[in-house]
Amino acid sequence: MQAQNIIGVKELRTNLDHYINMVQNGEELTVVKRSKVVFKISPVDEEWETVGDFIQIKKGGISGKKLLAMLKNGQDDIQIIAIKRRSEKTYK
């Protein structure tokens, strides 16, 4: 049985990359704040499917606010913008 990794919120923030690597390597973390458990972090046990690549819409991605606005207008808007951006790159 694996030893439980208990860390504080401040420790998690300070050394986030280290703990991300631990989780990616299969370890689970229990995060505490003032000696009370606030959440657990565990590795993803399934493959995730890429639904959309918003970097294709705008280099560096798009803001959450803009994404929500686009989703309210329907997914076709996202596809149209992605196609338009690709076309602009192709012709420049």
C-alpha atoms as a PDB file:
ATOM      1  CA  MET A   1       0.000   0.000   0.000  1.00  0.00           C
ATOM      2  CA  GLN A   2       1.270   3.464  -0.964  1.00  0.00           C
ATOM      3  CA  ALA A   3       2.074   6.035   1.732  1.00  0.00           C
ATOM      4  CA  GLN A   4      -0.306   8.971   1.802  1.00  0.00           C
ATOM      5  CA  ASN A   5       1.191  12.293   0.687  1.00  0.00           C
ATOM      6  CA  ILE A   6      -0.232  15.081   2.858  1.00  0.00           C
ATOM      7  CA  ILE A   7       0.763  18.645   1.999  1.00  0.00           C
ATOM      8  CA  GLY A   8      -0.378  22.124   2.927  1.00  0.00           C
ATOM      9  CA  VAL A   9      -1.940  24.573   0.481  1.00  0.00           C
ATOM     10  CA  LYS A  10       1.061  26.923   0.770  1.00  0.00           C
ATOM     11  CA  GLU A  11       3.489  24.049   0.076  1.00  0.00           C
ATOM     12  CA  LEU A  12       1.430  23.062  -2.981  1.00  0.00           C
ATOM     13  CA  ARG A  13       1.515  26.614  -4.355  1.00  0.00           C
ATOM     14  CA  THR A  14       5.225  27.005  -3.678  1.00  0.00           C
ATOM     15  CA  ASN A  15       6.275  23.731  -5.339  1.00  0.00           C
ATOM     16  CA  LEU A  16       3.451  23.147  -7.798  1.00  0.00           C
ATOM     17  CA  ASP A  17       5.627  21.696 -10.586  1.00  0.00           C
ATOM     18  CA  HIS A  18       7.073  19.116  -8.198  1.00  0.00           C
ATOM     19  CA  TYR A  19       3.625  17.955  -7.112  1.00  0.00           C
ATOM     20  CA  ILE A  20       2.297  17.901 -10.674  1.00  0.00           C
ATOM     21  CA  ASN A  21       5.135  15.512 -11.543  1.00  0.00           C
ATOM     22  CA  MET A  22       4.294  13.326  -8.535  1.00  0.00           C
ATOM     23  CA  VAL A  23       0.656  13.052  -9.629  1.00  0.00           C
ATOM     24  CA  GLN A  24       1.657  12.369 -13.235  1.00  0.00           C
ATOM     25  CA  ASN A  25       3.783   9.514 -11.870  1.00  0.00           C
ATOM     26  CA  GLY A  26       0.748   7.939 -10.216  1.00  0.00           C
ATOM     27  CA  GLU A  27       0.840   9.382  -6.702  1.00  0.00           C
ATOM     28  CA  GLU A  28      -2.166  10.844  -4.908  1.00  0.00           C
ATOM     29  CA  LEU A  29      -1.956  13.993  -2.794  1.00  0.00           C
ATOM     30  CA  THR A  30      -4.120  15.104   0.116  1.00  0.00           C
ATOM     31  CA  VAL A  31      -4.103  18.875   0.552  1.00  0.00           C
ATOM     32  CA  VAL A  32      -4.792  20.414   3.950  1.00  0.00           C
ATOM     33  CA  LYS A  33      -5.457  23.945   5.141  1.00  0.00           C
ATOM     34  CA  ARG A  34      -5.137  24.651   8.851  1.00  0.00           C
ATOM     35  CA  SER A  35      -4.953  20.910   9.543  1.00  0.00           C
ATOM     36  CA  LYS A  36      -8.221  20.160   7.721  1.00  0.00           C
ATOM     37  CA  VAL A  37      -8.437  18.228   4.467  1.00  0.00           C
ATOM     38  CA  VAL A  38      -9.694  20.521   1.707  1.00  0.00           C
ATOM     39  CA  PHE A  39      -9.198  18.351  -1.382  1.00  0.00           C
ATOM     40  CA  LYS A  40      -7.351  15.444  -2.953  1.00  0.00           C
ATOM     41  CA  ILE A  41      -5.427  15.346  -6.196  1.00  0.00           C
ATOM     42  CA  SER A  42      -5.144  12.068  -8.041  1.00  0.00           C
ATOM     43  CA  PRO A  43      -3.938  10.985 -11.475  1.00  0.00           C
ATOM     44  CA  VAL A  44      -6.425  10.810 -14.301  1.00  0.00           C
ATOM     45  CA  ASP A  45      -7.289   7.164 -14.819  1.00  0.00           C
ATOM     46  CA  GLU A  46      -8.727   7.529 -18.290  1.00  0.00           C
ATOM     47  CA  GLU A  47      -7.750   9.040 -21.605  1.00  0.00           C
ATOM     48  CA  TRP A  48      -9.154  12.476 -22.379  1.00  0.00           C
ATOM     49  CA  GLU A  49     -10.331  13.345 -25.839  1.00  0.00           C
ATOM     50  CA  THR A  50      -9.421  16.722 -27.314  1.00  0.00           C
ATOM     51  CA  VAL A  51     -12.718  18.404 -28.066  1.00  0.00           C
ATOM     52  CA  GLY A  52     -11.349  21.682 -29.365  1.00  0.00           C
ATOM     53  CA  ASP A  53      -7.994  23.332 -29.776  1.00  0.00           C
ATOM     54  CA  PHE A  54      -8.525  26.985 -28.987  1.00  0.00           C
ATOM     55  CA  ILE A  55      -4.929  27.850 -29.818  1.00  0.00           C
ATOM     56  CA  GLN A  56      -6.011  27.445 -33.446  1.00  0.00           C
ATOM     57  CA  ILE A  57      -8.508  30.260 -32.885  1.00  0.00           C
ATOM     58  CA  LYS A  58      -5.955  32.630 -31.384  1.00  0.00           C
ATOM     59  CA  LYS A  59      -2.279  32.110 -30.543  1.00  0.00           C
ATOM     60  CA  GLY A  60      -2.061  31.536 -26.795  1.00  0.00           C
ATOM     61  CA  GLY A  61      -5.729  30.514 -26.590  1.00  0.00           C
ATOM     62  CA  ILE A  62      -8.764  32.642 -25.799  1.00  0.00           C
ATOM     63  CA  SER A  63     -10.217  34.033 -22.588  1.00  0.00           C
ATOM     64  CA  GLY A  64     -12.880  32.122 -20.708  1.00  0.00           C
ATOM     65  CA  LYS A  65     -15.244  35.063 -21.189  1.00  0.00           C
ATOM     66  CA  LYS A  66     -14.839  34.966 -24.968  1.00  0.00           C
ATOM     67  CA  LEU A  67     -15.193  31.172 -25.016  1.00  0.00           C
ATOM     68  CA  LEU A  68     -18.461  31.334 -23.064  1.00  0.00           C
ATOM     69  CA  ALA A  69     -19.793  33.987 -25.426  1.00  0.00           C
ATOM     70  CA  MET A  70     -18.865  31.826 -28.409  1.00  0.00           C
ATOM     71  CA  LEU A  71     -20.480  28.750 -26.881  1.00  0.00           C
ATOM     72  CA  LYS A  72     -23.699  30.687 -26.239  1.00  0.00           C
ATOM     73  CA  ASN A  73     -23.800  31.421 -29.966  1.00  0.00           C
ATOM     74  CA  GLY A  74     -23.323  27.760 -30.863  1.00  0.00           C
ATOM     75  CA  GLN A  75     -20.364  25.554 -31.679  1.00  0.00           C
ATOM     76  CA  ASP A  76     -20.485  26.532 -35.356  1.00  0.00           C
ATOM     77  CA  ASP A  77     -19.083  29.952 -34.434  1.00  0.00           C
ATOM     78  CA  ILE A  78     -16.009  28.314 -32.923  1.00  0.00           C
ATOM     79  CA  GLN A  79     -15.478  26.169 -35.999  1.00  0.00           C
ATOM     80  CA  ILE A  80     -15.902  29.158 -38.327  1.00  0.00           C
ATOM     81  CA  ILE A  81     -13.347  31.230 -36.421  1.00  0.00           C
ATOM     82  CA  ALA A  82     -10.899  28.316 -36.378  1.00  0.00           C
ATOM     83  CA  ILE A  83     -11.276  27.848 -40.135  1.00  0.00           C
ATOM     84  CA  LYS A  84     -10.935  31.601 -40.736  1.00  0.00           C
ATOM     85  CA  ARG A  85      -7.720  31.749 -38.685  1.00  0.00           C
ATOM     86  CA  ARG A  86      -6.238  28.786 -40.543  1.00  0.00           C
ATOM     87  CA  SER A  87      -7.137  30.406 -43.878  1.00  0.00           C
ATOM     88  CA  GLU A  88      -5.517  33.685 -42.868  1.00  0.00           C
ATOM     89  CA  LYS A  89      -2.284  31.867 -41.974  1.00  0.00           C
ATOM     90  CA  THR A  90      -2.377  29.976 -45.261  1.00  0.00           C
ATOM     91  CA  TYR A  91      -2.647  33.090 -47.427  1.00  0.00           C
ATOM     92  CA  LYS A  92      -0.108  35.281 -45.622  1.00  0.00           C
END
